[in-house]
Amino acid sequence: MANASKDIYIKNKKAYFEYFISDKYTAGVKLLGTEIKSIREGKANLNDAFCTFINEELYVRNLHISEYSYGSFYNHEAKRDRVLLLHKKELKKLQNRTEEKGFTIVPLALFISDRGFAKLEIGLAQGKKLHDKRETMKDRESKIEMDRVMKR
């Protein structure tokens, strides 16, 4: 089972394009039984997900975890709000930073830990401007071109 869990690593590629990531944290996710089974099948999507504070607790919203294919009527709702589990110090620090202008918390990756728990890598992020995104695209294209030349 441990070998199968290392294969599950769902990334949010859009987050690295849209934001500058300053700090990264690994948070536990409070899930239902059918949700963890769907994640182990690799059926989750982070593209539209974001994190927000509700009553001093950090939640991830719009994290799409598909319904478990073998679930009965006890199946979960695909886009429900899920609590993120962090230390109080980390929560306070994140809450203070998000109150500053321009900072937000975005999910970067969803994975299964060595002990079999679902973990969400989150990042404190600041939005990129249009010219920053163009620069990122130019860098990516030049890297691809360099790799292509190096292969020959």
Protein backbone atom coordinates (compact mmCIF):
# COMPACT_ATOMS: atom_id res chain seq x y z
CA MET A 1 0.00 0.00 0.00
CA ALA A 2 2.88 2.39 0.75
CA ASN A 3 4.24 2.12 -2.80
CA ALA A 4 0.86 2.89 -4.35
CA SER A 5 0.39 6.00 -2.19
CA LYS A 6 3.57 7.68 -3.50
CA ASP A 7 2.14 7.70 -7.03
CA ILE A 8 -0.71 10.03 -6.01
CA TYR A 9 0.51 13.62 -6.49
CA ILE A 10 -2.04 15.97 -8.03
CA LYS A 11 -0.53 19.37 -8.92
CA ASN A 12 -2.12 22.75 -9.51
CA LYS A 13 -0.04 23.97 -12.47
CA LYS A 14 -2.25 27.02 -12.91
CA ALA A 15 -1.25 28.35 -9.47
CA TYR A 16 2.43 28.68 -10.42
CA PHE A 17 1.46 30.56 -13.58
CA GLU A 18 -1.03 32.92 -11.90
CA TYR A 19 0.85 33.67 -8.63
CA PHE A 20 4.24 34.31 -7.06
CA ILE A 21 4.51 31.74 -4.24
CA SER A 22 6.35 33.08 -1.18
CA ASP A 23 5.76 30.52 1.61
CA LYS A 24 4.68 26.88 1.43
CA TYR A 25 2.91 24.82 4.09
CA THR A 26 1.73 21.23 4.27
CA ALA A 27 -1.75 20.91 5.76
CA GLY A 28 -3.85 17.91 6.62
CA VAL A 29 -7.32 17.73 5.12
CA LYS A 30 -10.41 16.63 7.01
CA LEU A 31 -12.09 14.17 4.62
CA LEU A 32 -14.89 11.64 4.51
CA GLY A 33 -14.23 7.97 3.73
CA THR A 34 -15.40 8.10 0.14
CA GLU A 35 -13.31 11.23 -0.50
CA ILE A 36 -10.01 9.59 0.49
CA LYS A 37 -10.87 6.58 -1.68
CA SER A 38 -11.47 8.87 -4.68
CA ILE A 39 -8.17 10.68 -4.05
CA ARG A 40 -6.36 7.34 -3.98
CA GLU A 41 -7.86 6.68 -7.42
CA GLY A 42 -6.46 10.05 -8.54
CA LYS A 43 -9.86 11.64 -9.11
CA ALA A 44 -9.33 15.16 -7.77
CA ASN A 45 -8.94 18.56 -9.42
CA LEU A 46 -7.27 21.62 -7.86
CA ASN A 47 -7.63 24.11 -10.72
CA ASP A 48 -10.44 26.27 -9.30
CA ALA A 49 -9.64 25.67 -5.62
CA PHE A 50 -8.76 28.42 -3.16
CA CYS A 51 -8.38 28.74 0.61
CA THR A 52 -10.26 31.07 2.93
CA PHE A 53 -10.72 31.67 6.64
CA ILE A 54 -14.15 31.06 8.16
CA ASN A 55 -14.45 31.56 11.93
CA GLU A 56 -10.69 31.26 12.63
CA GLU A 57 -10.49 27.99 10.63
CA LEU A 58 -8.87 27.57 7.24
CA TYR A 59 -11.05 25.96 4.57
CA VAL A 60 -10.31 24.88 1.03
CA ARG A 61 -13.17 25.68 -1.34
CA ASN A 62 -13.98 24.43 -4.85
CA LEU A 63 -11.61 21.46 -4.48
CA HIS A 64 -13.28 18.95 -6.78
CA ILE A 65 -13.06 15.35 -5.57
CA SER A 66 -15.14 13.12 -7.82
CA GLU A 67 -17.71 10.84 -6.24
CA TYR A 68 -16.38 7.40 -5.37
CA SER A 69 -17.37 4.98 -8.12
CA TYR A 70 -18.21 2.14 -5.68
CA GLY A 71 -19.94 4.40 -3.14
CA SER A 72 -23.56 3.90 -2.20
CA PHE A 73 -25.98 6.59 -1.08
CA TYR A 74 -23.36 7.63 1.54
CA ASN A 75 -21.26 9.23 -1.19
CA HIS A 76 -19.87 12.74 -0.67
CA GLU A 77 -20.62 16.06 -2.37
CA ALA A 78 -17.95 16.78 -5.00
CA LYS A 79 -17.19 20.46 -4.23
CA ARG A 80 -17.91 20.85 -0.52
CA ASP A 81 -15.79 23.03 1.79
CA ARG A 82 -13.11 21.03 3.61
CA VAL A 83 -11.25 22.02 6.78
CA LEU A 84 -7.46 22.27 6.60
CA LEU A 85 -5.51 21.14 9.64
CA LEU A 86 -2.55 23.33 10.65
CA HIS A 87 -0.89 24.42 13.89
CA LYS A 88 -2.34 27.52 15.57
CA LYS A 89 0.87 29.49 14.99
CA GLU A 90 0.74 28.75 11.27
CA LEU A 91 -2.95 29.66 11.07
CA LYS A 92 -2.35 33.01 12.82
CA LYS A 93 0.60 33.80 10.55
CA LEU A 94 -1.41 32.97 7.43
CA GLN A 95 -4.43 34.94 8.61
CA ASN A 96 -2.29 38.02 9.30
CA ARG A 97 -0.59 37.80 5.91
CA THR A 98 -3.86 37.36 3.98
CA GLU A 99 -5.25 40.50 5.57
CA GLU A 100 -2.46 42.42 3.81
CA LYS A 101 -3.34 43.68 0.35
CA GLY A 102 -2.60 41.31 -2.51
CA PHE A 103 -1.93 38.09 -0.58
CA THR A 104 -4.02 34.94 -0.83
CA ILE A 105 -3.66 31.25 -0.05
CA VAL A 106 -3.74 28.81 -2.95
CA PRO A 107 -3.54 25.00 -2.99
CA LEU A 108 -0.47 23.81 -4.87
CA ALA A 109 -0.62 20.01 -4.66
CA LEU A 110 -2.66 17.19 -3.16
CA PHE A 111 -0.85 14.00 -2.18
CA ILE A 112 -1.00 10.96 0.07
CA SER A 113 1.59 10.94 2.87
CA ASP A 114 3.71 7.94 3.86
CA ARG A 115 1.24 7.16 6.64
CA GLY A 116 -1.70 7.14 4.22
CA PHE A 117 -3.19 10.55 5.06
CA ALA A 118 -4.23 13.09 2.43
CA LYS A 119 -2.12 16.24 2.60
CA LEU A 120 -2.56 19.53 0.78
CA GLU A 121 0.44 21.69 0.00
CA ILE A 122 -0.68 25.31 0.20
CA GLY A 123 1.20 28.46 -0.63
CA LEU A 124 0.99 32.08 0.42
CA ALA A 125 0.71 33.77 -2.95
CA GLN A 126 0.69 37.18 -4.55
CA GLY A 127 -0.98 37.64 -7.93
CA LYS A 128 1.09 38.18 -11.06
CA LYS A 129 0.49 41.02 -13.46
CA LEU A 130 0.01 40.39 -17.18
CA HIS A 131 3.62 41.25 -18.08
CA ASP A 132 4.87 38.81 -15.42
CA LYS A 133 2.78 36.04 -16.99
CA ARG A 134 4.21 36.86 -20.43
CA GLU A 135 7.71 36.67 -18.98
CA THR A 136 6.93 33.26 -17.47
CA MET A 137 5.71 32.03 -20.86
CA LYS A 138 8.89 33.33 -22.57
CA ASP A 139 11.08 31.59 -19.99
CA ARG A 140 9.20 28.33 -20.44
CA GLU A 141 9.46 28.51 -24.25
CA SER A 142 13.19 29.30 -24.14
CA LYS A 143 13.78 26.36 -21.76
CA ILE A 144 11.92 24.02 -24.13
CA GLU A 145 13.99 25.34 -27.06
CA MET A 146 17.25 24.84 -25.12
CA ASP A 147 16.24 21.26 -24.25
CA ARG A 148 15.44 20.62 -27.91
CA VAL A 149 18.85 21.95 -29.02
CA MET A 150 20.68 19.95 -26.32
CA LYS A 151 19.05 16.69 -27.50
CA ARG A 152 20.52 17.13 -31.00
